[in-house]
C-alpha atoms as a PDB file:
ATOM      1  CA  UNK A   1       0.000   0.000   0.000  1.00  0.00           C
ATOM      2  CA  UNK A   2       1.280   3.466  -0.868  1.00  0.00           C
ATOM      3  CA  UNK A   3       1.318   6.578   1.300  1.00  0.00           C
ATOM      4  CA  UNK A   4      -1.505   8.944   0.435  1.00  0.00           C
ATOM      5  CA  UNK A   5      -1.038  12.680   0.231  1.00  0.00           C
ATOM      6  CA  UNK A   6      -3.385  15.603   0.260  1.00  0.00           C
ATOM      7  CA  UNK A   7      -3.373  19.375   0.366  1.00  0.00           C
ATOM      8  CA  UNK A   8      -4.099  20.966   3.714  1.00  0.00           C
ATOM      9  CA  UNK A   9      -5.472  24.493   3.348  1.00  0.00           C
ATOM     10  CA  UNK A  10      -5.325  26.707   6.417  1.00  0.00           C
ATOM     11  CA  UNK A  11      -5.843  30.406   6.943  1.00  0.00           C
ATOM     12  CA  UNK A  12      -2.666  32.320   7.749  1.00  0.00           C
ATOM     13  CA  UNK A  13      -3.893  32.670  11.371  1.00  0.00           C
ATOM     14  CA  UNK A  14      -4.632  28.938  11.714  1.00  0.00           C
ATOM     15  CA  UNK A  15      -1.223  28.084  10.305  1.00  0.00           C
ATOM     16  CA  UNK A  16       0.600  30.457  12.668  1.00  0.00           C
ATOM     17  CA  UNK A  17      -1.281  29.064  15.684  1.00  0.00           C
ATOM     18  CA  UNK A  18      -0.340  25.547  14.611  1.00  0.00           C
ATOM     19  CA  UNK A  19       3.324  26.494  14.143  1.00  0.00           C
ATOM     20  CA  UNK A  20       3.373  28.138  17.583  1.00  0.00           C
ATOM     21  CA  UNK A  21       1.967  24.945  19.143  1.00  0.00           C
ATOM     22  CA  UNK A  22       4.592  22.747  17.459  1.00  0.00           C
ATOM     23  CA  UNK A  23       8.203  22.225  18.431  1.00  0.00           C
ATOM     24  CA  UNK A  24       9.537  22.614  14.879  1.00  0.00           C
ATOM     25  CA  UNK A  25      13.070  21.702  15.973  1.00  0.00           C
ATOM     26  CA  UNK A  26      11.800  18.184  16.616  1.00  0.00           C
ATOM     27  CA  UNK A  27      11.305  17.773  12.863  1.00  0.00           C
ATOM     28  CA  UNK A  28      14.686  19.274  11.872  1.00  0.00           C
ATOM     29  CA  UNK A  29      16.231  17.524   8.870  1.00  0.00           C
ATOM     30  CA  UNK A  30      12.918  16.117   7.596  1.00  0.00           C
ATOM     31  CA  UNK A  31      10.728  16.976   4.612  1.00  0.00           C
ATOM     32  CA  UNK A  32       8.011  17.998   7.069  1.00  0.00           C
ATOM     33  CA  UNK A  33      10.325  20.607   8.605  1.00  0.00           C
ATOM     34  CA  UNK A  34      11.103  21.997   5.146  1.00  0.00           C
ATOM     35  CA  UNK A  35       7.410  22.134   4.201  1.00  0.00           C
ATOM     36  CA  UNK A  36       6.327  23.880   7.409  1.00  0.00           C
ATOM     37  CA  UNK A  37       9.272  26.250   7.442  1.00  0.00           C
ATOM     38  CA  UNK A  38       8.718  27.103   3.772  1.00  0.00           C
ATOM     39  CA  UNK A  39       5.020  27.714   4.342  1.00  0.00           C
ATOM     40  CA  UNK A  40       5.884  30.313   6.996  1.00  0.00           C
ATOM     41  CA  UNK A  41       7.198  32.474   4.154  1.00  0.00           C
ATOM     42  CA  UNK A  42       3.767  32.494   2.472  1.00  0.00           C
ATOM     43  CA  UNK A  43       2.296  35.940   1.972  1.00  0.00           C
ATOM     44  CA  UNK A  44      -1.287  35.054   1.055  1.00  0.00           C
ATOM     45  CA  UNK A  45      -4.348  34.835   3.289  1.00  0.00           C
ATOM     46  CA  UNK A  46      -4.295  31.048   3.084  1.00  0.00           C
ATOM     47  CA  UNK A  47      -1.526  28.475   3.272  1.00  0.00           C
ATOM     48  CA  UNK A  48      -1.567  25.225   1.295  1.00  0.00           C
ATOM     49  CA  UNK A  49       0.742  22.373   2.254  1.00  0.00           C
ATOM     50  CA  UNK A  50       0.994  18.962   0.589  1.00  0.00           C
ATOM     51  CA  UNK A  51       1.109  16.462   3.465  1.00  0.00           C
ATOM     52  CA  UNK A  52       1.236  12.686   3.713  1.00  0.00           C
ATOM     53  CA  UNK A  53      -0.742  10.570   6.172  1.00  0.00           C
ATOM     54  CA  UNK A  54       2.416  10.117   8.204  1.00  0.00           C
ATOM     55  CA  UNK A  55       3.171  13.844   8.349  1.00  0.00           C
ATOM     56  CA  UNK A  56      -0.346  14.694   9.495  1.00  0.00           C
ATOM     57  CA  UNK A  57      -0.100  12.022  12.157  1.00  0.00           C
ATOM     58  CA  UNK A  58       3.209  13.463  13.390  1.00  0.00           C
ATOM     59  CA  UNK A  59       1.732  16.965  13.657  1.00  0.00           C
ATOM     60  CA  UNK A  60      -1.369  15.728  15.477  1.00  0.00           C
ATOM     61  CA  UNK A  61       0.771  13.648  17.854  1.00  0.00           C
ATOM     62  CA  UNK A  62       3.027  16.607  18.607  1.00  0.00           C
ATOM     63  CA  UNK A  63       0.191  19.054  19.298  1.00  0.00           C
ATOM     64  CA  UNK A  64      -2.053  16.621  21.139  1.00  0.00           C
ATOM     65  CA  UNK A  65      -5.673  17.300  22.037  1.00  0.00           C
ATOM     66  CA  UNK A  66      -7.529  20.408  20.935  1.00  0.00           C
ATOM     67  CA  UNK A  67      -6.832  23.431  23.108  1.00  0.00           C
ATOM     68  CA  UNK A  68     -10.070  25.063  24.146  1.00  0.00           C
ATOM     69  CA  UNK A  69      -8.748  28.619  24.363  1.00  0.00           C
ATOM     70  CA  UNK A  70      -7.449  28.693  20.779  1.00  0.00           C
ATOM     71  CA  UNK A  71     -10.228  28.578  18.205  1.00  0.00           C
ATOM     72  CA  UNK A  72      -7.772  28.997  15.312  1.00  0.00           C
ATOM     73  CA  UNK A  73      -5.630  26.059  16.477  1.00  0.00           C
ATOM     74  CA  UNK A  74      -8.721  23.905  17.029  1.00  0.00           C
ATOM     75  CA  UNK A  75      -9.888  24.776  13.516  1.00  0.00           C
ATOM     76  CA  UNK A  76      -6.487  23.812  12.053  1.00  0.00           C
ATOM     77  CA  UNK A  77      -6.530  20.500  13.960  1.00  0.00           C
ATOM     78  CA  UNK A  78     -10.059  19.794  12.737  1.00  0.00           C
ATOM     79  CA  UNK A  79      -9.019  20.413   9.111  1.00  0.00           C
ATOM     80  CA  UNK A  80      -6.047  18.061   9.528  1.00  0.00           C
ATOM     81  CA  UNK A  81      -8.269  15.350  11.003  1.00  0.00           C
ATOM     82  CA  UNK A  82     -10.737  15.749   8.122  1.00  0.00           C
ATOM     83  CA  UNK A  83      -7.942  15.387   5.560  1.00  0.00           C
ATOM     84  CA  UNK A  84      -6.553  12.385   7.427  1.00  0.00           C
ATOM     85  CA  UNK A  85     -10.036  10.773   7.420  1.00  0.00           C
ATOM     86  CA  UNK A  86     -10.280  11.128   3.629  1.00  0.00           C
ATOM     87  CA  UNK A  87      -7.182   8.930   3.324  1.00  0.00           C
ATOM     88  CA  UNK A  88      -8.925   6.147   5.267  1.00  0.00           C
ATOM     89  CA  UNK A  89     -12.170   6.036   3.289  1.00  0.00           C
END
């Protein structure tokens, strides 16, 4: 079975909240680090990142459960979970 990939689209605010919740150094030297670091340079209102199942799982594992006081982060996590679910159907 091959690794599925999909495009995660987040608003700039959602993306920044997600980046702030992650320890990016943990992913140093990986494609995921390059993708997330490169996306930080985006100037548009939305950020699109091509992610694999494995990469989404790593992000979700690193962030953990939704954080109730951050609606933008919760929204980003929800979008990642939805994309991840599409891989399984």
